[in-house]
Protein backbone atom coordinates (compact mmCIF):
# COMPACT_ATOMS: atom_id res chain seq x y z
CA UNK A 1 125.30 91.04 325.70
CA UNK A 2 128.29 93.36 325.37
CA UNK A 3 127.03 96.91 325.11
CA UNK A 4 128.27 98.65 321.97
CA UNK A 5 130.83 101.38 322.57
CA UNK A 6 131.88 104.22 320.29
CA UNK A 7 134.90 103.66 318.07
CA UNK A 8 137.56 106.30 318.48
CA UNK A 9 140.38 104.97 316.30
CA UNK A 10 139.03 105.27 312.77
CA UNK A 11 142.39 104.64 311.07
CA UNK A 12 142.91 101.41 312.94
CA UNK A 13 139.44 100.26 312.01
CA UNK A 14 140.01 101.08 308.34
CA UNK A 15 143.26 99.14 308.32
CA UNK A 16 141.91 96.09 310.08
CA UNK A 17 138.34 95.77 308.79
CA UNK A 18 137.79 98.05 305.86
CA UNK A 19 134.55 99.18 307.52
CA UNK A 20 135.05 102.91 306.90
CA UNK A 21 131.86 104.43 305.57
CA UNK A 22 129.53 101.83 307.13
CA UNK A 23 126.46 103.56 308.65
CA UNK A 24 127.06 101.97 312.04
CA UNK A 25 130.67 103.21 311.92
CA UNK A 26 129.56 106.74 311.18
CA UNK A 27 127.16 106.61 314.15
CA UNK A 28 129.96 105.35 316.41
CA UNK A 29 128.22 102.08 317.28
CA UNK A 30 130.38 99.51 315.53
CA UNK A 31 131.11 97.35 318.57
CA UNK A 32 133.83 94.73 318.99
CA UNK A 33 131.28 91.86 319.08
CA UNK A 34 129.76 93.12 315.82
CA UNK A 35 133.17 93.24 314.15
CA UNK A 36 133.91 89.73 315.36
CA UNK A 37 130.59 88.46 314.00
CA UNK A 38 131.31 90.18 310.68
CA UNK A 39 134.73 88.56 310.44
CA UNK A 40 133.29 85.17 311.39
CA UNK A 41 130.76 85.41 308.57
CA UNK A 42 133.39 86.46 306.05
CA UNK A 43 135.70 83.60 307.02
CA UNK A 44 132.87 81.08 306.83
CA UNK A 45 131.87 82.36 303.39
CA UNK A 46 135.44 82.14 302.14
CA UNK A 47 135.72 78.58 303.44
CA UNK A 48 132.55 77.53 301.62
CA UNK A 49 133.68 79.26 298.44
CA UNK A 50 136.98 77.41 298.69
CA UNK A 51 135.13 74.11 298.89
CA UNK A 52 133.08 74.92 295.79
CA UNK A 53 136.17 76.10 293.90
CA UNK A 54 137.91 72.80 294.65
CA UNK A 55 135.20 70.78 292.93
CA UNK A 56 135.79 69.58 289.42
CA UNK A 57 133.10 70.29 286.84
CA UNK A 58 130.70 67.41 286.42
CA UNK A 59 132.03 65.52 289.46
CA UNK A 60 129.60 64.98 292.33
CA UNK A 61 130.63 65.82 295.87
CA UNK A 62 131.74 63.02 298.13
CA UNK A 63 129.82 62.25 301.30
CA UNK A 64 132.55 63.99 303.30
CA UNK A 65 132.29 67.10 301.11
CA UNK A 66 128.51 67.14 301.49
CA UNK A 67 128.98 67.07 305.28
CA UNK A 68 131.53 69.87 305.04
CA UNK A 69 129.11 71.93 302.92
CA UNK A 70 126.32 71.46 305.43
CA UNK A 71 128.51 72.47 308.39
CA UNK A 72 129.87 75.52 306.59
CA UNK A 73 126.40 76.64 305.53
CA UNK A 74 125.23 76.32 309.14
CA UNK A 75 128.22 78.38 310.30
CA UNK A 76 127.36 81.12 307.78
CA UNK A 77 123.71 81.16 308.82
CA UNK A 78 124.61 81.40 312.53
CA UNK A 79 127.21 84.11 311.94
CA UNK A 80 124.84 86.13 309.73
CA UNK A 81 122.06 85.91 312.32
CA UNK A 82 124.46 86.96 315.10
CA UNK A 83 125.78 89.85 313.00
CA UNK A 84 122.28 91.10 312.19
CA UNK A 85 121.16 90.86 315.82
CA UNK A 86 124.22 92.73 317.10
CA UNK A 87 123.83 95.43 314.44
CA UNK A 88 120.19 95.95 315.41
CA UNK A 89 121.01 96.04 319.11
CA UNK A 90 123.89 98.47 318.56
CA UNK A 91 121.58 100.80 316.66
CA UNK A 92 118.98 100.50 319.44
CA UNK A 93 121.62 101.43 322.04
CA UNK A 94 122.36 104.65 320.17
CA UNK A 95 118.70 105.49 319.58
CA UNK A 96 117.69 104.71 323.16
CA UNK A 97 120.28 107.09 324.60
CA UNK A 98 118.39 110.05 323.15
CA UNK A 99 115.13 109.03 324.83
CA UNK A 100 116.37 108.04 328.29
CA UNK A 101 116.86 111.61 329.53
CA UNK A 102 113.15 112.36 329.09
CA UNK A 103 111.93 109.49 331.29
CA UNK A 104 110.39 110.38 334.69
CA UNK A 105 112.70 109.80 337.64
CA UNK A 106 110.16 107.68 339.55
CA UNK A 107 110.42 104.85 337.06
CA UNK A 108 114.20 104.65 337.18
CA UNK A 109 115.59 101.26 338.09
CA UNK A 110 116.93 100.51 341.58
CA UNK A 111 120.66 101.05 341.95
CA UNK A 112 122.69 98.04 340.93
CA UNK A 113 119.94 96.48 338.81
CA UNK A 114 119.62 98.12 335.39
CA UNK A 115 120.45 101.46 333.84
CA UNK A 116 118.10 104.40 334.62
CA UNK A 117 115.08 104.49 332.40
CA UNK A 118 115.60 101.05 330.91
CA UNK A 119 112.43 98.96 330.87
CA UNK A 120 110.44 101.93 332.17
CA UNK A 121 107.39 101.07 330.13
CA UNK A 122 107.49 97.52 331.37
CA UNK A 123 107.48 98.73 334.97
CA UNK A 124 104.36 100.69 334.11
CA UNK A 125 102.78 97.46 332.88
CA UNK A 126 103.79 95.64 336.05
CA UNK A 127 102.13 98.35 338.14
CA UNK A 128 98.90 97.76 336.26
CA UNK A 129 99.09 100.43 333.60
CA UNK A 130 98.82 99.56 329.89
CA UNK A 131 101.82 100.26 327.67
CA UNK A 132 101.98 100.62 323.90
CA UNK A 133 104.97 98.42 323.16
CA UNK A 134 105.62 95.80 320.52
CA UNK A 135 104.62 92.44 321.90
CA UNK A 136 102.79 89.37 320.75
CA UNK A 137 100.98 86.14 321.18
CA UNK A 138 102.16 82.97 322.81
CA UNK A 139 100.77 81.10 325.79
CA UNK A 140 102.93 79.44 328.43
CA UNK A 141 103.26 79.44 332.19
CA UNK A 142 106.47 80.60 333.84
CA UNK A 143 107.08 79.56 337.43
CA UNK A 144 109.82 79.65 340.00
CA UNK A 145 110.17 75.97 340.85
CA UNK A 146 110.11 74.08 337.55
CA UNK A 147 113.50 73.77 335.87
CA UNK A 148 113.83 75.74 332.57
CA UNK A 149 110.51 77.52 333.25
CA UNK A 150 111.81 80.40 335.29
CA UNK A 151 114.05 79.65 338.31
CA UNK A 152 117.16 80.41 336.25
CA UNK A 153 115.95 84.02 336.00
CA UNK A 154 115.58 84.65 339.73
CA UNK A 155 118.55 86.60 341.10
CA UNK A 156 119.87 87.09 337.55
CA UNK A 157 120.03 90.48 335.88
CA UNK A 158 118.81 90.93 332.34
CA UNK A 159 121.95 92.16 330.58
CA UNK A 160 120.71 93.01 327.12
CA UNK A 161 118.90 95.96 325.66
CA UNK A 162 115.43 95.61 324.17
CA UNK A 163 115.67 96.22 320.43
CA UNK A 164 113.24 95.91 317.56
CA UNK A 165 112.33 92.28 318.10
CA UNK A 166 109.36 92.15 315.79
CA UNK A 167 111.38 93.31 312.80
CA UNK A 168 114.09 90.83 313.70
CA UNK A 169 111.56 87.98 313.57
CA UNK A 170 109.72 89.39 310.53
CA UNK A 171 112.27 90.85 308.06
CA UNK A 172 109.58 91.95 305.61
CA UNK A 173 108.51 94.60 308.12
CA UNK A 174 111.80 96.40 307.47
CA UNK A 175 111.04 96.51 303.72
CA UNK A 176 107.32 97.29 303.61
CA UNK A 177 105.68 100.69 304.05
CA UNK A 178 104.16 100.90 307.55
CA UNK A 179 100.97 102.94 308.07
CA UNK A 180 100.13 103.65 311.70
CA UNK A 181 96.59 104.79 312.45
CA UNK A 182 94.88 105.68 315.70
CA UNK A 183 91.89 103.42 315.05
CA UNK A 184 90.89 100.44 312.99
CA UNK A 185 88.18 101.87 310.74
CA UNK A 186 88.41 100.66 307.11
CA UNK A 187 91.15 102.56 305.32
CA UNK A 188 90.58 103.00 301.56
CA UNK A 189 93.70 103.38 299.41
CA UNK A 190 94.12 103.77 295.64
CA UNK A 191 96.14 101.05 293.94
CA UNK A 192 98.09 101.51 290.71
CA UNK A 193 97.47 98.66 288.25
CA UNK A 194 98.87 100.21 285.02
CA UNK A 195 101.12 103.23 284.58
CA UNK A 196 100.46 105.91 281.96
CA UNK A 197 102.04 105.83 278.49
CA UNK A 198 102.61 108.27 275.62
CA UNK A 199 102.88 107.83 271.85
CA UNK A 200 105.05 109.29 269.09
CA UNK A 201 103.53 112.41 267.51
CA UNK A 202 104.61 113.67 264.07
CA UNK A 203 105.28 117.35 263.40
CA UNK A 204 102.02 119.38 263.35
CA UNK A 205 100.03 116.19 263.99
CA UNK A 206 97.28 115.95 266.55
CA UNK A 207 98.33 114.71 269.96
CA UNK A 208 96.18 111.69 270.69
CA UNK A 209 95.16 110.36 274.01
CA UNK A 210 97.82 108.15 275.48
CA UNK A 211 97.23 105.36 277.92
CA UNK A 212 95.94 106.77 281.18
CA UNK A 213 97.14 105.28 284.44
CA UNK A 214 94.76 102.66 285.71
CA UNK A 215 93.70 102.43 289.34
CA UNK A 216 91.52 100.39 291.57
CA UNK A 217 91.06 100.53 295.33
CA UNK A 218 92.07 98.39 298.24
CA UNK A 219 90.69 98.50 301.74
CA UNK A 220 92.93 97.98 304.73
CA UNK A 221 91.12 96.61 307.76
CA UNK A 222 92.34 95.73 311.23
CA UNK A 223 92.52 92.02 312.02
CA UNK A 224 93.19 91.34 315.68
CA UNK A 225 96.03 89.09 316.83
CA UNK A 226 96.89 88.44 320.41
CA UNK A 227 97.42 86.03 323.25
CA UNK A 228 98.35 85.52 326.85
CA UNK A 229 101.53 84.78 328.68
CA UNK A 230 101.07 83.77 332.33
CA UNK A 231 103.66 84.24 335.08
CA UNK A 232 103.58 82.82 338.59
CA UNK A 233 103.32 85.65 341.08
CA UNK A 234 106.37 84.33 342.97
CA UNK A 235 108.52 84.72 339.90
CA UNK A 236 107.31 88.26 339.28
CA UNK A 237 107.96 89.23 342.92
CA UNK A 238 111.36 87.56 343.32
CA UNK A 239 113.03 88.18 339.97
CA UNK A 240 115.97 90.57 340.31
CA UNK A 241 115.13 92.29 337.04
CA UNK A 242 111.84 93.66 335.63
CA UNK A 243 110.00 90.48 334.68
CA UNK A 244 107.73 92.58 332.50
CA UNK A 245 110.69 93.27 330.20
CA UNK A 246 111.41 89.58 329.81
CA UNK A 247 107.76 88.70 329.26
CA UNK A 248 107.38 91.45 326.69
CA UNK A 249 110.50 90.37 324.84
CA UNK A 250 109.12 86.84 324.59
CA UNK A 251 105.79 88.19 323.40
CA UNK A 252 107.40 90.50 320.86
CA UNK A 253 109.33 87.65 319.28
CA UNK A 254 106.19 85.53 319.16
CA UNK A 255 104.15 88.32 317.59
CA UNK A 256 106.88 89.00 315.04
CA UNK A 257 106.83 85.36 313.97
CA UNK A 258 103.04 85.15 313.83
CA UNK A 259 102.47 88.41 311.95
CA UNK A 260 105.47 87.76 309.71
CA UNK A 261 103.82 84.63 308.38
CA UNK A 262 100.68 86.63 307.55
CA UNK A 263 102.61 89.44 305.85
CA UNK A 264 104.39 86.94 303.61
CA UNK A 265 101.69 84.40 302.76
CA UNK A 266 98.39 85.57 304.25
CA UNK A 267 95.42 84.58 302.09
CA UNK A 268 93.47 87.84 302.48
CA UNK A 269 89.68 88.20 302.86
CA UNK A 270 89.45 87.30 306.56
CA UNK A 271 93.13 87.91 307.33
CA UNK A 272 96.01 90.04 306.01
CA UNK A 273 97.14 89.61 302.41
CA UNK A 274 100.69 88.36 301.99
CA UNK A 275 103.29 89.73 299.61
CA UNK A 276 103.54 86.34 297.88
CA UNK A 277 100.11 86.98 296.31
CA UNK A 278 101.72 89.41 293.86
CA UNK A 279 101.74 88.72 290.11
CA UNK A 280 103.85 85.81 288.90
CA UNK A 281 106.94 87.02 287.03
CA UNK A 282 108.54 83.64 286.29
CA UNK A 283 107.59 79.99 286.53
CA UNK A 284 110.72 77.86 286.60
CA UNK A 285 111.30 74.90 284.32
CA UNK A 286 112.23 72.67 287.26
CA UNK A 287 110.06 71.65 290.21
CA UNK A 288 112.69 72.32 292.89
CA UNK A 289 115.45 74.42 291.32
CA UNK A 290 116.12 77.77 289.70
CA UNK A 291 118.58 79.05 287.09
CA UNK A 292 120.40 82.35 286.72
CA UNK A 293 118.47 83.05 283.52
CA UNK A 294 115.17 82.65 285.38
CA UNK A 295 116.31 85.05 288.11
CA UNK A 296 117.34 87.59 285.46
CA UNK A 297 113.92 87.25 283.83
CA UNK A 298 112.24 87.81 287.20
CA UNK A 299 114.26 90.96 287.82
CA UNK A 300 113.37 92.34 284.41
CA UNK A 301 109.67 91.62 284.88
CA UNK A 302 109.62 94.73 287.09
CA UNK A 303 109.68 98.23 285.58
CA UNK A 304 113.20 99.75 285.45
CA UNK A 305 112.44 102.56 287.90
CA UNK A 306 111.11 100.10 290.46
CA UNK A 307 113.77 97.52 289.59
CA UNK A 308 116.44 100.03 290.63
CA UNK A 309 114.79 100.23 294.07
CA UNK A 310 114.11 96.50 294.23
CA UNK A 311 115.13 93.85 296.73
CA UNK A 312 115.11 90.06 296.71
CA UNK A 313 113.28 88.03 299.35
CA UNK A 314 113.90 84.29 299.77
CA UNK A 315 114.02 81.68 302.50
CA UNK A 316 117.45 80.82 303.87
CA UNK A 317 117.48 77.41 302.15
CA UNK A 318 116.75 79.07 298.79
CA UNK A 319 119.51 81.62 299.36
CA UNK A 320 121.93 78.78 300.00
CA UNK A 321 121.02 77.20 296.65
CA UNK A 322 121.28 80.52 294.77
CA UNK A 323 124.72 81.20 296.21
CA UNK A 324 126.04 78.14 294.35
CA UNK A 325 124.93 79.36 290.91
CA UNK A 326 127.73 80.33 288.49
CA UNK A 327 127.84 82.09 285.14
CA UNK A 328 129.37 80.56 282.02
CA UNK A 329 132.87 81.53 283.16
CA UNK A 330 132.49 79.81 286.51
CA UNK A 331 131.99 83.02 288.50
CA UNK A 332 129.52 83.16 291.36
CA UNK A 333 126.81 85.76 290.79
CA UNK A 334 126.19 86.13 294.51
CA UNK A 335 128.06 89.11 295.94
CA UNK A 336 128.67 88.69 299.69
CA UNK A 337 128.52 91.85 301.74
CA UNK A 338 131.86 93.39 302.72
CA UNK A 339 130.29 95.55 305.43
CA UNK A 340 128.88 94.38 308.72
CA UNK A 341 125.09 94.63 308.86
CA UNK A 342 124.75 95.33 305.12
CA UNK A 343 122.84 92.86 302.92
CA UNK A 344 124.60 90.74 300.28
CA UNK A 345 123.52 91.37 296.69
CA UNK A 346 122.37 89.45 293.63
CA UNK A 347 122.59 91.26 290.27
CA UNK A 348 123.29 94.45 292.19
CA UNK A 349 120.23 94.39 294.46
CA UNK A 350 120.12 93.47 298.18
CA UNK A 351 118.95 90.03 299.28
CA UNK A 352 116.96 89.41 302.47
CA UNK A 353 116.09 86.17 304.16
CA UNK A 354 112.58 85.59 305.51
CA UNK A 355 111.75 82.23 307.13
CA UNK A 356 108.09 82.54 306.13
CA UNK A 357 108.75 82.14 302.40
CA UNK A 358 108.50 78.58 301.10
CA UNK A 359 111.57 76.60 300.12
CA UNK A 360 111.83 75.45 296.51
CA UNK A 361 109.42 72.64 295.60
CA UNK A 362 106.59 71.80 293.22
CA UNK A 363 104.36 74.88 292.73
CA UNK A 364 106.09 76.70 295.60
CA UNK A 365 106.23 80.50 295.68
CA UNK A 366 109.84 80.64 296.80
CA UNK A 367 110.90 84.21 296.03
CA UNK A 368 109.73 87.79 295.47
CA UNK A 369 111.58 90.64 293.77
CA UNK A 370 110.68 94.29 293.50
CA UNK A 371 110.04 97.57 295.27
CA UNK A 372 108.56 96.57 298.61
CA UNK A 373 107.36 100.10 299.35
CA UNK A 374 104.36 99.08 297.24
CA UNK A 375 103.44 96.60 299.99
CA UNK A 376 101.66 98.32 302.87
CA UNK A 377 101.29 97.07 306.44
CA UNK A 378 98.65 98.86 308.51
CA UNK A 379 99.12 98.97 312.30
CA UNK A 380 95.87 100.13 313.92
CA UNK A 381 95.96 101.67 317.38
CA UNK A 382 99.46 100.52 318.26
CA UNK A 383 100.45 97.30 320.01
CA UNK A 384 99.37 97.07 323.61
CA UNK A 385 100.43 95.13 326.66
CA UNK A 386 97.99 94.75 329.54
CA UNK A 387 98.68 93.13 332.88
CA UNK A 388 96.07 91.48 335.09
CA UNK A 389 96.50 89.93 338.52
CA UNK A 390 92.82 88.94 338.61
CA UNK A 391 92.32 86.88 335.44
CA UNK A 392 94.04 83.81 336.93
CA UNK A 393 93.58 84.71 340.58
CA UNK A 394 92.76 81.13 341.57
CA UNK A 395 96.14 79.97 340.23
CA UNK A 396 98.03 82.90 341.75
CA UNK A 397 99.30 83.84 338.31
CA UNK A 398 99.72 87.20 336.63
CA UNK A 399 98.57 87.40 333.01
CA UNK A 400 100.13 89.54 330.32
CA UNK A 401 97.92 90.10 327.30
CA UNK A 402 99.34 91.17 323.96
CA UNK A 403 97.10 92.63 321.27
CA UNK A 404 97.76 93.97 317.78
CA UNK A 405 95.36 94.97 315.00
CA UNK A 406 96.95 94.77 311.58
CA UNK A 407 96.30 94.30 307.89
CA UNK A 408 98.49 94.23 304.78
CA UNK A 409 97.91 94.72 301.05
CA UNK A 410 99.83 95.23 297.82
CA UNK A 411 98.99 98.78 296.72
CA UNK A 412 101.22 98.93 293.62
CA UNK A 413 100.74 95.78 291.57
CA UNK A 414 103.38 96.81 289.03
CA UNK A 415 106.33 96.84 291.41
CA UNK A 416 106.45 93.28 292.81
CA UNK A 417 106.80 89.93 291.06
CA UNK A 418 107.11 86.40 292.43
CA UNK A 419 108.90 83.32 291.16
CA UNK A 420 107.17 79.94 291.30
CA UNK A 421 108.43 76.41 290.75
CA UNK A 422 106.82 74.27 288.07
CA UNK A 423 104.17 71.79 289.13
CA UNK A 424 105.85 68.81 287.50
């Protein structure tokens, strides 16, 4: 990975990219790779738009055009993913710089390996001490002799920074409200079900009771998720970089994927409750399609104050379908982002892609709109990484255990609405 460097020529950037005012620009972390990824996405989007514009109304695409559409859509998806990853990593570079100076000198990396302070917590884990880092569950064995299972890492430096991997794998975590508690005791929260209302009062008339806000309560628990990742001791000893960093990165991605699925579609009761359990705002007329009118209805099923803070959440396949929708004048309603790392918009509100939402299909919950701050994720006791050289002593393997205790609930039922395809 190319490490992001500060931009010093603001005028040149404005002239070439139009990125002036972007938050990453203001922080001085708009790197050349990020700009290239941004331009690649914009070019791919323009190419796909050109294809759609070339189609005549009522005429189906040829097989060649369908292939072109598929390739272009794949290019956009890859460029968007690369742009998002680079933006996150650039931000992490800037944030990490502030913390490095405070790290103890004894955990600095050997000269010529990695920058001082980087992967310090992982070294603590390697030495046997627990570390509260984001990591997750997946089980596999890494060894030094089997191709693709580890030998490629020996004598190879890890050249990328650790960034917020869980959020990268679970986009809803960047939208929800996160509550971090020291322990996992039941946490009781009030939930708004109906907001208050007032009535017209004539001059000198008695003010009557209006509609009081209605509440109920939700309890956030702490469901445990975790797993093991085993590493051959030879690989841990001979790797030229902190193997704990690599193991933790793998675990973090795995945990992000696993918890992300729960936060989106968890059934509740004995597991977290997913955001797609919110109230239905619209049921489409079709079993595997959606119209602009239905999306407008969904947006207006949320109160105006919350609508103005709302976001859209769909799977990538659904986003691709929505991007093709036009108004009566043939204009696309999708507004692609003109700034690197900033979400595209639909009807003025940002759109996010989450792989855990269903694609369109009969009775599928394929989208959610609203103010996601009304969806709460509880993280109890932090996320821990423990290392053991004894658990698999007979196999001469070192085990890394990843544990997280989480729950999730909708605490404001008025602010989120889902869209569901018809059954038939």
